[in-house]
């Protein structure tokens, strides 16, 4: 399964290589904007994109970015709960 994480493009870092700096939940990383470029690269600054393995794969609006981040946080919480349940079940088995 492929997972795109929303990030905001904050700067064009290397126009020759088509690279930009994206802020992904407070973590900045360089990504390729080649898949989403339709005009002037500077027009991408401030836009939100789904980031996957170092590529901006699709431009999304700010509301969609916020909803996606919230859903991802929820999945993380669900995973933590499942892990805690598994640890609890393992501890019960060890006491038998």
N, C-alpha and C. Protein backbone atom coordinates (compact mmCIF):
# COMPACT_ATOMS: atom_id res chain seq x y z
N UNK A 1 0.84 -1.17 0.00
CA UNK A 1 0.00 0.00 0.00
C UNK A 1 0.89 1.24 0.00
N UNK A 2 0.53 2.21 -0.79
CA UNK A 2 1.26 3.48 -0.85
C UNK A 2 0.53 4.50 0.00
N UNK A 3 1.30 5.29 0.71
CA UNK A 3 0.71 6.29 1.58
C UNK A 3 1.33 7.64 1.30
N UNK A 4 0.49 8.60 0.94
CA UNK A 4 0.95 9.97 0.74
C UNK A 4 0.65 10.77 1.99
N UNK A 5 1.63 11.53 2.45
CA UNK A 5 1.46 12.35 3.64
C UNK A 5 1.43 13.81 3.23
N UNK A 6 0.45 14.58 3.69
CA UNK A 6 0.37 15.99 3.31
C UNK A 6 1.54 16.81 3.83
N UNK A 7 2.04 17.66 2.96
CA UNK A 7 3.10 18.58 3.33
C UNK A 7 2.91 19.88 2.57
N UNK A 8 3.38 20.97 3.15
CA UNK A 8 3.27 22.27 2.50
C UNK A 8 4.61 22.62 1.87
N UNK A 9 4.57 22.98 0.61
CA UNK A 9 5.79 23.39 -0.09
C UNK A 9 6.13 24.80 0.39
N UNK A 10 7.33 24.95 0.97
CA UNK A 10 7.69 26.23 1.58
C UNK A 10 8.78 26.98 0.81
N UNK A 11 9.51 26.29 -0.06
CA UNK A 11 10.56 26.95 -0.84
C UNK A 11 10.98 26.08 -2.01
N UNK A 12 11.40 26.72 -3.07
CA UNK A 12 12.03 26.02 -4.18
C UNK A 12 13.52 26.01 -3.87
N UNK A 13 14.12 24.82 -3.76
CA UNK A 13 15.52 24.73 -3.36
C UNK A 13 16.47 24.53 -4.53
N UNK A 14 16.02 23.87 -5.58
CA UNK A 14 16.88 23.63 -6.74
C UNK A 14 16.02 23.51 -8.00
N UNK A 15 15.80 24.62 -8.69
CA UNK A 15 14.94 24.59 -9.87
C UNK A 15 15.47 23.67 -10.98
N UNK A 16 16.77 23.54 -11.09
CA UNK A 16 17.35 22.68 -12.13
C UNK A 16 16.96 21.21 -11.91
N UNK A 17 17.01 20.78 -10.66
CA UNK A 17 16.65 19.40 -10.32
C UNK A 17 15.17 19.26 -9.98
N UNK A 18 14.43 20.37 -10.01
CA UNK A 18 13.00 20.40 -9.67
C UNK A 18 12.74 19.93 -8.24
N UNK A 19 13.50 20.52 -7.30
CA UNK A 19 13.40 20.16 -5.90
C UNK A 19 12.88 21.34 -5.08
N UNK A 20 12.10 21.00 -4.06
CA UNK A 20 11.52 22.00 -3.16
C UNK A 20 11.63 21.51 -1.73
N UNK A 21 11.53 22.45 -0.79
CA UNK A 21 11.48 22.10 0.62
C UNK A 21 10.01 22.02 1.02
N UNK A 22 9.65 20.91 1.64
CA UNK A 22 8.27 20.72 2.10
C UNK A 22 8.28 20.58 3.61
N UNK A 23 7.28 21.16 4.25
CA UNK A 23 7.09 21.04 5.68
C UNK A 23 6.02 19.97 5.90
N UNK A 24 6.44 18.84 6.46
CA UNK A 24 5.53 17.72 6.70
C UNK A 24 5.36 17.59 8.21
N UNK A 25 4.29 18.13 8.74
CA UNK A 25 4.00 18.10 10.18
C UNK A 25 5.17 18.63 11.01
N UNK A 26 5.75 19.74 10.55
CA UNK A 26 6.82 20.37 11.29
C UNK A 26 8.21 19.87 10.93
N UNK A 27 8.30 18.83 10.14
CA UNK A 27 9.58 18.29 9.71
C UNK A 27 9.80 18.71 8.26
N UNK A 28 10.93 19.35 8.01
CA UNK A 28 11.22 19.82 6.66
C UNK A 28 12.06 18.78 5.93
N UNK A 29 11.68 18.53 4.67
CA UNK A 29 12.44 17.60 3.84
C UNK A 29 12.35 18.03 2.39
N UNK A 30 13.38 17.72 1.66
CA UNK A 30 13.42 18.08 0.25
C UNK A 30 12.66 17.04 -0.56
N UNK A 31 11.84 17.53 -1.49
CA UNK A 31 11.03 16.65 -2.33
C UNK A 31 11.10 17.13 -3.78
N UNK A 32 10.85 16.21 -4.69
CA UNK A 32 10.76 16.57 -6.10
C UNK A 32 9.36 17.07 -6.39
N UNK A 33 9.28 18.22 -7.07
CA UNK A 33 7.97 18.73 -7.45
C UNK A 33 7.66 18.44 -8.92
N UNK A 34 8.51 17.67 -9.57
CA UNK A 34 8.31 17.36 -10.99
C UNK A 34 6.93 16.78 -11.30
N UNK A 35 6.40 15.85 -10.49
CA UNK A 35 5.09 15.27 -10.83
C UNK A 35 3.91 16.26 -10.79
N UNK A 36 4.06 17.39 -10.10
CA UNK A 36 2.92 18.30 -9.96
C UNK A 36 3.12 19.64 -10.66
N UNK A 37 4.26 19.82 -11.32
CA UNK A 37 4.54 21.11 -11.96
C UNK A 37 3.67 21.30 -13.19
N UNK A 38 2.92 22.40 -13.21
CA UNK A 38 2.09 22.73 -14.37
C UNK A 38 2.38 24.13 -14.88
N UNK A 39 3.23 24.88 -14.22
CA UNK A 39 3.53 26.25 -14.60
C UNK A 39 4.81 26.70 -13.94
N UNK A 40 4.78 27.87 -13.38
CA UNK A 40 5.94 28.44 -12.69
C UNK A 40 6.14 27.73 -11.35
N UNK A 41 7.34 27.19 -11.09
CA UNK A 41 7.58 26.51 -9.81
C UNK A 41 7.28 27.38 -8.58
N UNK A 42 7.51 28.69 -8.68
CA UNK A 42 7.24 29.56 -7.54
C UNK A 42 5.76 29.58 -7.16
N UNK A 43 4.88 29.22 -8.10
CA UNK A 43 3.46 29.15 -7.79
C UNK A 43 3.13 28.02 -6.82
N UNK A 44 4.05 27.07 -6.66
CA UNK A 44 3.83 25.94 -5.75
C UNK A 44 4.06 26.32 -4.29
N UNK A 45 4.82 27.40 -4.05
CA UNK A 45 5.11 27.80 -2.68
C UNK A 45 3.81 28.14 -1.95
N UNK A 46 3.63 27.51 -0.79
CA UNK A 46 2.42 27.69 -0.01
C UNK A 46 1.35 26.64 -0.30
N UNK A 47 1.52 25.90 -1.38
CA UNK A 47 0.56 24.85 -1.73
C UNK A 47 0.80 23.61 -0.89
N UNK A 48 -0.25 22.82 -0.71
CA UNK A 48 -0.14 21.53 -0.02
C UNK A 48 -0.09 20.43 -1.06
N UNK A 49 0.73 19.43 -0.78
CA UNK A 49 0.86 18.30 -1.70
C UNK A 49 0.89 17.00 -0.90
N UNK A 50 0.46 15.93 -1.53
CA UNK A 50 0.65 14.61 -0.94
C UNK A 50 2.06 14.18 -1.28
N UNK A 51 2.86 13.89 -0.26
CA UNK A 51 4.26 13.53 -0.42
C UNK A 51 4.40 12.01 -0.25
N UNK A 52 5.07 11.39 -1.21
CA UNK A 52 5.32 9.95 -1.14
C UNK A 52 6.73 9.67 -1.63
N UNK A 53 7.53 9.04 -0.82
CA UNK A 53 8.93 8.69 -1.08
C UNK A 53 9.71 9.79 -1.77
N UNK A 54 9.56 11.01 -1.26
CA UNK A 54 10.35 12.12 -1.76
C UNK A 54 9.79 12.83 -2.99
N UNK A 55 8.57 12.53 -3.35
CA UNK A 55 7.92 13.17 -4.50
C UNK A 55 6.60 13.80 -4.08
N UNK A 56 6.35 15.01 -4.57
CA UNK A 56 5.03 15.63 -4.42
C UNK A 56 4.15 14.99 -5.50
N UNK A 57 3.20 14.16 -5.09
CA UNK A 57 2.43 13.37 -6.05
C UNK A 57 1.14 14.04 -6.51
N UNK A 58 0.57 14.91 -5.68
CA UNK A 58 -0.68 15.58 -6.04
C UNK A 58 -0.83 16.83 -5.19
N UNK A 59 -1.33 17.88 -5.79
CA UNK A 59 -1.64 19.11 -5.05
C UNK A 59 -3.02 18.94 -4.43
N UNK A 60 -3.14 19.28 -3.15
CA UNK A 60 -4.42 19.20 -2.45
C UNK A 60 -4.66 20.54 -1.76
N UNK A 61 -5.91 20.77 -1.36
CA UNK A 61 -6.19 22.03 -0.66
C UNK A 61 -5.90 21.87 0.83
N UNK A 62 -5.84 22.98 1.53
CA UNK A 62 -5.47 23.00 2.94
C UNK A 62 -6.44 22.18 3.80
N UNK A 63 -7.74 22.23 3.48
CA UNK A 63 -8.74 21.48 4.23
C UNK A 63 -8.51 19.98 4.09
N UNK A 64 -8.25 19.54 2.86
CA UNK A 64 -7.99 18.11 2.63
C UNK A 64 -6.71 17.68 3.35
N UNK A 65 -5.70 18.54 3.35
CA UNK A 65 -4.45 18.24 4.05
C UNK A 65 -4.72 18.06 5.54
N UNK A 66 -5.49 18.95 6.13
CA UNK A 66 -5.79 18.87 7.56
C UNK A 66 -6.58 17.60 7.89
N UNK A 67 -7.56 17.27 7.06
CA UNK A 67 -8.36 16.06 7.29
C UNK A 67 -7.50 14.80 7.16
N UNK A 68 -6.62 14.78 6.19
CA UNK A 68 -5.75 13.62 6.00
C UNK A 68 -4.80 13.45 7.18
N UNK A 69 -4.21 14.56 7.65
CA UNK A 69 -3.32 14.49 8.81
C UNK A 69 -4.07 13.99 10.04
N UNK A 70 -5.30 14.45 10.23
CA UNK A 70 -6.10 14.00 11.37
C UNK A 70 -6.38 12.50 11.28
N UNK A 71 -6.71 12.03 10.08
CA UNK A 71 -6.96 10.60 9.89
C UNK A 71 -5.70 9.79 10.17
N UNK A 72 -4.56 10.28 9.74
CA UNK A 72 -3.30 9.58 9.99
C UNK A 72 -2.98 9.53 11.48
N UNK A 73 -3.27 10.64 12.19
CA UNK A 73 -3.08 10.64 13.64
C UNK A 73 -3.99 9.60 14.29
N UNK A 74 -5.24 9.51 13.81
CA UNK A 74 -6.17 8.51 14.33
C UNK A 74 -5.69 7.10 14.10
N UNK A 75 -5.11 6.85 12.93
CA UNK A 75 -4.57 5.52 12.64
C UNK A 75 -3.41 5.20 13.58
N UNK A 76 -2.59 6.20 13.87
CA UNK A 76 -1.48 6.00 14.79
C UNK A 76 -1.97 5.65 16.18
N UNK A 77 -3.02 6.33 16.63
CA UNK A 77 -3.59 6.04 17.95
C UNK A 77 -4.20 4.64 17.96
N UNK A 78 -4.86 4.24 16.87
CA UNK A 78 -5.44 2.90 16.79
C UNK A 78 -4.34 1.85 16.85
N UNK A 79 -3.24 2.10 16.15
CA UNK A 79 -2.12 1.16 16.16
C UNK A 79 -1.54 1.03 17.56
N UNK A 80 -1.40 2.14 18.27
CA UNK A 80 -0.89 2.10 19.64
C UNK A 80 -1.81 1.28 20.54
N UNK A 81 -3.13 1.45 20.38
CA UNK A 81 -4.10 0.70 21.17
C UNK A 81 -3.99 -0.79 20.89
N UNK A 82 -3.89 -1.16 19.59
CA UNK A 82 -3.76 -2.57 19.23
C UNK A 82 -2.48 -3.17 19.81
N UNK A 83 -1.40 -2.42 19.77
CA UNK A 83 -0.13 -2.91 20.33
C UNK A 83 -0.25 -3.10 21.83
N UNK A 84 -0.91 -2.18 22.52
CA UNK A 84 -1.09 -2.30 23.97
C UNK A 84 -1.95 -3.51 24.30
N UNK A 85 -3.00 -3.74 23.49
CA UNK A 85 -3.85 -4.91 23.70
C UNK A 85 -3.06 -6.20 23.50
N UNK A 86 -2.22 -6.23 22.48
CA UNK A 86 -1.42 -7.43 22.21
C UNK A 86 -0.45 -7.69 23.35
N UNK A 87 0.16 -6.63 23.87
CA UNK A 87 1.08 -6.78 25.00
C UNK A 87 0.34 -7.30 26.24
N UNK A 88 -0.87 -6.77 26.46
CA UNK A 88 -1.68 -7.23 27.60
C UNK A 88 -2.05 -8.71 27.46
N UNK A 89 -2.43 -9.11 26.24
CA UNK A 89 -2.79 -10.52 26.01
C UNK A 89 -1.57 -11.40 26.21
N UNK A 90 -0.41 -10.96 25.76
CA UNK A 90 0.82 -11.73 25.92
C UNK A 90 1.15 -11.89 27.40
N UNK A 91 0.98 -10.81 28.17
CA UNK A 91 1.27 -10.86 29.61
C UNK A 91 0.33 -11.83 30.31
N UNK A 92 -0.95 -11.88 29.89
CA UNK A 92 -1.90 -12.82 30.48
C UNK A 92 -1.51 -14.25 30.18
N UNK A 93 -1.07 -14.52 28.97
CA UNK A 93 -0.64 -15.86 28.58
C UNK A 93 0.57 -16.30 29.39
N UNK A 94 1.48 -15.37 29.66
CA UNK A 94 2.69 -15.73 30.41
C UNK A 94 2.39 -16.06 31.87
N UNK A 95 1.27 -15.58 32.41
CA UNK A 95 0.94 -15.85 33.80
C UNK A 95 0.20 -17.17 33.97
N UNK A 96 -0.21 -17.78 32.88
CA UNK A 96 -0.96 -19.06 32.99
C UNK A 96 -0.06 -20.21 33.25
